[in-house]
Amino acid sequence: MDALIQARGVHSYYGSSHVLHGIDFHLGAGEMVGLFGRNGMGKTTLLRTLLGHVVPREGAVHVRGTDVTGSPPERIARQGIAYVPEGRGVFPNLSVRENFVMAARPGPSGGRTWSLERVLDTFPALAARLSHRGDQLSGGEQHMLAIGRALLTNPDALLLDEATEGLAPLIAQEIWRVIASLRGTGMATLLVDRNVGTVLAHADRGVILVKGEVVADLPAAELRARSELLHRHLGI
């Protein structure tokens, strides 16, 4: 499988705090990967490094084989990499429609597979909220808005940090339905979520971080069967 995104020997810091320690990681085209680890183990820092928000002091990040280390995040985003951060990043003073329209653009190959109509079909709860401001939505609706806005960039890869954290069970179920549907579109997906079993039920592969190092990188079915590994590193 060709690597859409690849990190090689990445060391990332926040000031003097050394967070990632020589990480090798890849996300293949069309692949769904779950990224796991206890709090503070480097999951979000790895996502932010792949996206250009954190520049590694050592190592390199490649997108489609091109070195993008040190590139501004907007350049990496234009390579077809979309991000839904843990805080959602919804613009509170813009309407739902405005949040969508400001993000909509063709993908790297010029295609517009994801239109506003398709996003509203995917998240019908938002169709009746188009004129509502971002700060007038519930947490679940904001989460749907953030995912829909990312899809409107027509990406080749979607990175979701805390995909269903804090959501009501019915909303979380809806998010998982959408995530499952992405598999059939050929979009690569990198998922961070505490619901390890659900992630592994959807993913092709699972990666576990401990103190900024990869301690496991296994097919999802194999990782699911390694209960002692999951218990040791994730406490489940």
Protein backbone atom coordinates (compact mmCIF):
# COMPACT_ATOMS: atom_id res chain seq x y z
CA MET A 1 0.00 0.00 0.00
CA ASP A 2 1.38 3.40 -0.99
CA ALA A 3 1.93 5.78 1.91
CA LEU A 4 -0.21 8.89 1.59
CA ILE A 5 1.32 10.36 4.76
CA GLN A 6 4.60 9.17 6.27
CA ALA A 7 6.68 10.24 9.25
CA ARG A 8 10.24 9.01 9.57
CA GLY A 9 12.35 9.34 12.68
CA VAL A 10 10.28 12.24 13.97
CA HIS A 11 11.28 14.02 17.18
CA SER A 12 8.83 16.75 18.19
CA TYR A 13 9.02 19.16 21.11
CA TYR A 14 6.95 21.77 22.87
CA GLY A 15 9.65 24.16 24.03
CA SER A 16 12.09 22.01 26.00
CA SER A 17 9.56 19.17 26.43
CA HIS A 18 10.52 16.25 24.20
CA VAL A 19 7.18 14.64 23.21
CA LEU A 20 7.80 12.40 20.18
CA HIS A 21 10.90 10.22 20.23
CA GLY A 22 11.92 9.06 16.77
CA ILE A 23 8.49 8.01 15.55
CA ASP A 24 7.99 6.14 12.29
CA PHE A 25 4.38 6.20 11.12
CA HIS A 26 2.46 5.89 7.87
CA LEU A 27 -1.12 6.16 6.62
CA GLY A 28 -1.77 4.39 3.36
CA ALA A 29 -4.07 5.60 0.62
CA GLY A 30 -7.61 4.49 1.49
CA GLU A 31 -6.49 3.00 4.81
CA MET A 32 -8.23 3.47 8.16
CA VAL A 33 -5.88 3.53 11.16
CA GLY A 34 -6.65 3.85 14.87
CA LEU A 35 -4.13 5.74 17.00
CA PHE A 36 -4.17 4.85 20.69
CA GLY A 37 -2.41 5.78 23.91
CA ARG A 38 -3.13 7.02 27.38
CA ASN A 39 -3.37 10.77 27.97
CA GLY A 40 -0.12 12.61 27.36
CA MET A 41 1.50 9.90 25.25
CA GLY A 42 1.81 12.02 22.10
CA LYS A 43 -1.25 11.23 19.98
CA THR A 44 -2.32 14.83 19.33
CA THR A 45 1.30 15.92 18.92
CA LEU A 46 1.75 13.29 16.20
CA LEU A 47 -1.36 14.53 14.40
CA ARG A 48 -0.19 18.13 14.69
CA THR A 49 3.26 17.16 13.42
CA LEU A 50 1.79 15.39 10.38
CA LEU A 51 -0.30 18.50 9.69
CA GLY A 52 2.52 21.03 10.04
CA HIS A 53 1.25 22.67 13.24
CA VAL A 54 4.32 21.30 15.02
CA VAL A 55 7.63 21.23 13.13
CA PRO A 56 9.84 18.30 14.16
CA ARG A 57 13.38 19.09 15.25
CA GLU A 58 14.55 15.83 13.72
CA GLY A 59 13.07 13.52 11.12
CA ALA A 60 10.78 14.22 8.20
CA VAL A 61 7.13 14.16 7.15
CA HIS A 62 6.18 13.22 3.59
CA VAL A 63 2.87 13.51 1.77
CA ARG A 64 2.67 11.39 -1.39
CA GLY A 65 6.44 11.02 -1.23
CA THR A 66 7.09 14.78 -1.13
CA ASP A 67 8.94 16.16 1.88
CA VAL A 68 6.64 18.68 3.60
CA THR A 69 8.66 19.04 6.80
CA GLY A 70 8.47 22.66 7.91
CA SER A 71 5.75 23.50 5.39
CA PRO A 72 2.95 25.73 6.70
CA PRO A 73 -0.24 23.85 7.65
CA GLU A 74 -2.24 25.43 4.82
CA ARG A 75 0.15 23.96 2.24
CA ILE A 76 -0.22 20.50 3.73
CA ALA A 77 -4.01 20.92 3.86
CA ARG A 78 -3.99 21.75 0.15
CA GLN A 79 -2.35 18.38 -0.46
CA GLY A 80 -5.68 16.85 0.54
CA ILE A 81 -5.19 16.40 4.29
CA ALA A 82 -8.19 17.46 6.44
CA TYR A 83 -8.23 17.75 10.22
CA VAL A 84 -11.01 17.70 12.81
CA PRO A 85 -9.34 18.85 16.05
CA GLU A 86 -10.45 17.81 19.50
CA GLY A 87 -11.95 21.27 20.12
CA ARG A 88 -13.83 21.12 16.78
CA GLY A 89 -12.70 24.58 15.65
CA VAL A 90 -16.18 25.73 14.65
CA PHE A 91 -16.43 29.46 13.90
CA PRO A 92 -18.96 30.54 16.56
CA ASN A 93 -20.11 33.77 14.88
CA LEU A 94 -20.67 32.21 11.44
CA SER A 95 -23.81 30.35 10.49
CA VAL A 96 -23.72 26.66 9.70
CA ARG A 97 -23.99 27.50 6.01
CA GLU A 98 -21.14 30.03 6.26
CA ASN A 99 -18.95 27.54 8.12
CA PHE A 100 -19.52 25.11 5.26
CA VAL A 101 -19.20 27.53 2.35
CA MET A 102 -15.97 29.11 3.56
CA ALA A 103 -14.31 25.67 3.64
CA ALA A 104 -15.66 24.20 0.40
CA ARG A 105 -13.11 23.68 -2.35
CA PRO A 106 -12.05 21.06 -4.89
CA GLY A 107 -9.70 18.29 -3.81
CA PRO A 108 -6.07 18.07 -4.99
CA SER A 109 -7.15 16.42 -8.25
CA GLY A 110 -9.85 19.04 -8.86
CA GLY A 111 -12.78 16.82 -7.93
CA ARG A 112 -15.78 17.85 -5.84
CA THR A 113 -17.04 14.51 -4.60
CA TRP A 114 -18.30 16.19 -1.42
CA SER A 115 -20.82 18.97 -2.03
CA LEU A 116 -22.96 20.87 0.47
CA GLU A 117 -25.91 18.72 -0.58
CA ARG A 118 -24.01 15.51 0.09
CA VAL A 119 -22.82 16.73 3.50
CA LEU A 120 -26.39 17.65 4.46
CA ASP A 121 -27.56 14.23 3.29
CA THR A 122 -24.87 12.73 5.51
CA PHE A 123 -25.78 14.94 8.49
CA PRO A 124 -29.52 15.64 8.02
CA ALA A 125 -29.75 17.20 11.51
CA LEU A 126 -27.77 20.16 10.17
CA ALA A 127 -30.11 20.80 7.24
CA ALA A 128 -32.58 22.51 9.59
CA ARG A 129 -29.77 24.48 11.27
CA LEU A 130 -28.20 26.22 8.28
CA SER A 131 -29.01 29.70 9.54
CA HIS A 132 -27.95 28.99 13.14
CA ARG A 133 -24.61 30.32 14.37
CA GLY A 134 -21.94 27.86 15.37
CA ASP A 135 -22.33 28.79 19.03
CA GLN A 136 -26.05 28.04 18.89
CA LEU A 137 -25.48 24.35 18.14
CA SER A 138 -25.28 21.49 20.58
CA GLY A 139 -21.92 19.77 21.08
CA GLY A 140 -23.00 16.92 18.83
CA GLU A 141 -24.16 19.28 16.09
CA GLN A 142 -20.87 21.18 16.31
CA HIS A 143 -19.03 17.89 15.89
CA MET A 144 -21.07 17.05 12.80
CA LEU A 145 -20.39 20.55 11.47
CA ALA A 146 -16.64 20.14 11.99
CA ILE A 147 -16.58 16.79 10.16
CA GLY A 148 -18.82 18.04 7.36
CA ARG A 149 -16.67 21.14 6.91
CA ALA A 150 -13.56 18.93 6.64
CA LEU A 151 -15.26 16.72 4.05
CA LEU A 152 -16.11 19.79 1.96
CA THR A 153 -12.38 20.28 1.32
CA ASN A 154 -12.65 17.00 -0.64
CA PRO A 155 -9.64 15.48 1.10
CA ASP A 156 -7.77 12.27 0.43
CA ALA A 157 -7.15 11.82 4.16
CA LEU A 158 -9.22 12.79 7.20
CA LEU A 159 -7.56 13.04 10.63
CA LEU A 160 -10.01 12.96 13.55
CA ASP A 161 -8.81 13.76 17.06
CA GLU A 162 -11.16 12.39 19.74
CA ALA A 163 -13.71 11.35 17.14
CA THR A 164 -16.61 10.85 19.57
CA GLU A 165 -15.30 12.20 22.89
CA GLY A 166 -18.05 13.62 25.11
CA LEU A 167 -20.86 12.91 22.67
CA ALA A 168 -24.20 11.42 23.66
CA PRO A 169 -24.45 7.74 22.66
CA LEU A 170 -26.92 8.36 19.82
CA ILE A 171 -24.74 11.13 18.35
CA ALA A 172 -21.62 8.97 18.71
CA GLN A 173 -23.43 6.17 16.89
CA GLU A 174 -24.21 8.60 14.08
CA ILE A 175 -20.55 9.65 13.86
CA TRP A 176 -19.45 6.02 13.67
CA ARG A 177 -21.97 5.44 10.89
CA VAL A 178 -20.39 8.26 8.89
CA ILE A 179 -16.86 7.01 9.63
CA ALA A 180 -17.83 3.54 8.43
CA SER A 181 -19.29 5.01 5.24
CA LEU A 182 -15.98 6.73 4.45
CA ARG A 183 -14.31 3.36 3.96
CA GLY A 184 -16.17 2.87 0.72
CA THR A 185 -15.10 6.25 -0.67
CA GLY A 186 -11.37 5.50 -0.80
CA MET A 187 -10.59 8.23 1.73
CA ALA A 188 -7.83 7.45 4.22
CA THR A 189 -8.79 8.02 7.86
CA LEU A 190 -6.69 8.39 11.01
CA LEU A 191 -8.79 8.08 14.17
CA VAL A 192 -8.04 9.00 17.76
CA ASP A 193 -10.76 7.85 20.13
CA ARG A 194 -10.92 6.25 23.56
CA ASN A 195 -13.42 3.63 22.42
CA VAL A 196 -10.72 1.21 21.36
CA GLY A 197 -13.04 -1.68 20.53
CA THR A 198 -15.20 0.41 18.21
CA VAL A 199 -12.19 1.93 16.47
CA LEU A 200 -10.63 -1.49 15.89
CA ALA A 201 -13.95 -2.79 14.54
CA HIS A 202 -13.70 -0.17 11.78
CA ALA A 203 -9.94 0.15 11.26
CA ASP A 204 -7.46 -1.77 9.13
CA ARG A 205 -4.63 -1.22 11.59
CA GLY A 206 -3.98 0.00 15.11
CA VAL A 207 -0.99 1.93 16.45
CA ILE A 208 -0.23 2.39 20.16
CA LEU A 209 1.95 5.21 21.50
CA VAL A 210 3.68 5.10 24.88
CA LYS A 211 5.69 8.14 25.97
CA GLY A 212 6.07 9.35 22.41
CA GLU A 213 7.19 6.01 20.95
CA VAL A 214 5.35 3.43 18.84
CA VAL A 215 5.09 0.23 20.89
CA ALA A 216 2.64 -1.58 18.60
CA ASP A 217 1.65 -1.29 14.95
CA LEU A 218 -0.57 -4.25 14.07
CA PRO A 219 -3.52 -5.26 11.91
CA ALA A 220 -6.72 -4.39 13.77
CA ALA A 221 -7.84 -8.00 14.16
CA GLU A 222 -4.48 -9.00 15.63
CA LEU A 223 -4.39 -6.06 18.02
CA ARG A 224 -7.94 -6.81 19.12
CA ALA A 225 -6.84 -10.34 20.01
CA ARG A 226 -3.82 -9.13 22.03
CA SER A 227 -5.74 -8.44 25.23
CA GLU A 228 -2.59 -8.41 27.38
CA LEU A 229 -1.06 -5.72 25.14
CA LEU A 230 -4.20 -3.58 25.27
CA HIS A 231 -4.43 -3.94 29.04
CA ARG A 232 -0.77 -3.10 29.62
CA HIS A 233 -0.67 0.03 27.50
CA LEU A 234 -4.29 1.22 27.47
CA GLY A 235 -5.73 -0.20 30.68
CA ILE A 236 -8.61 -2.05 29.02
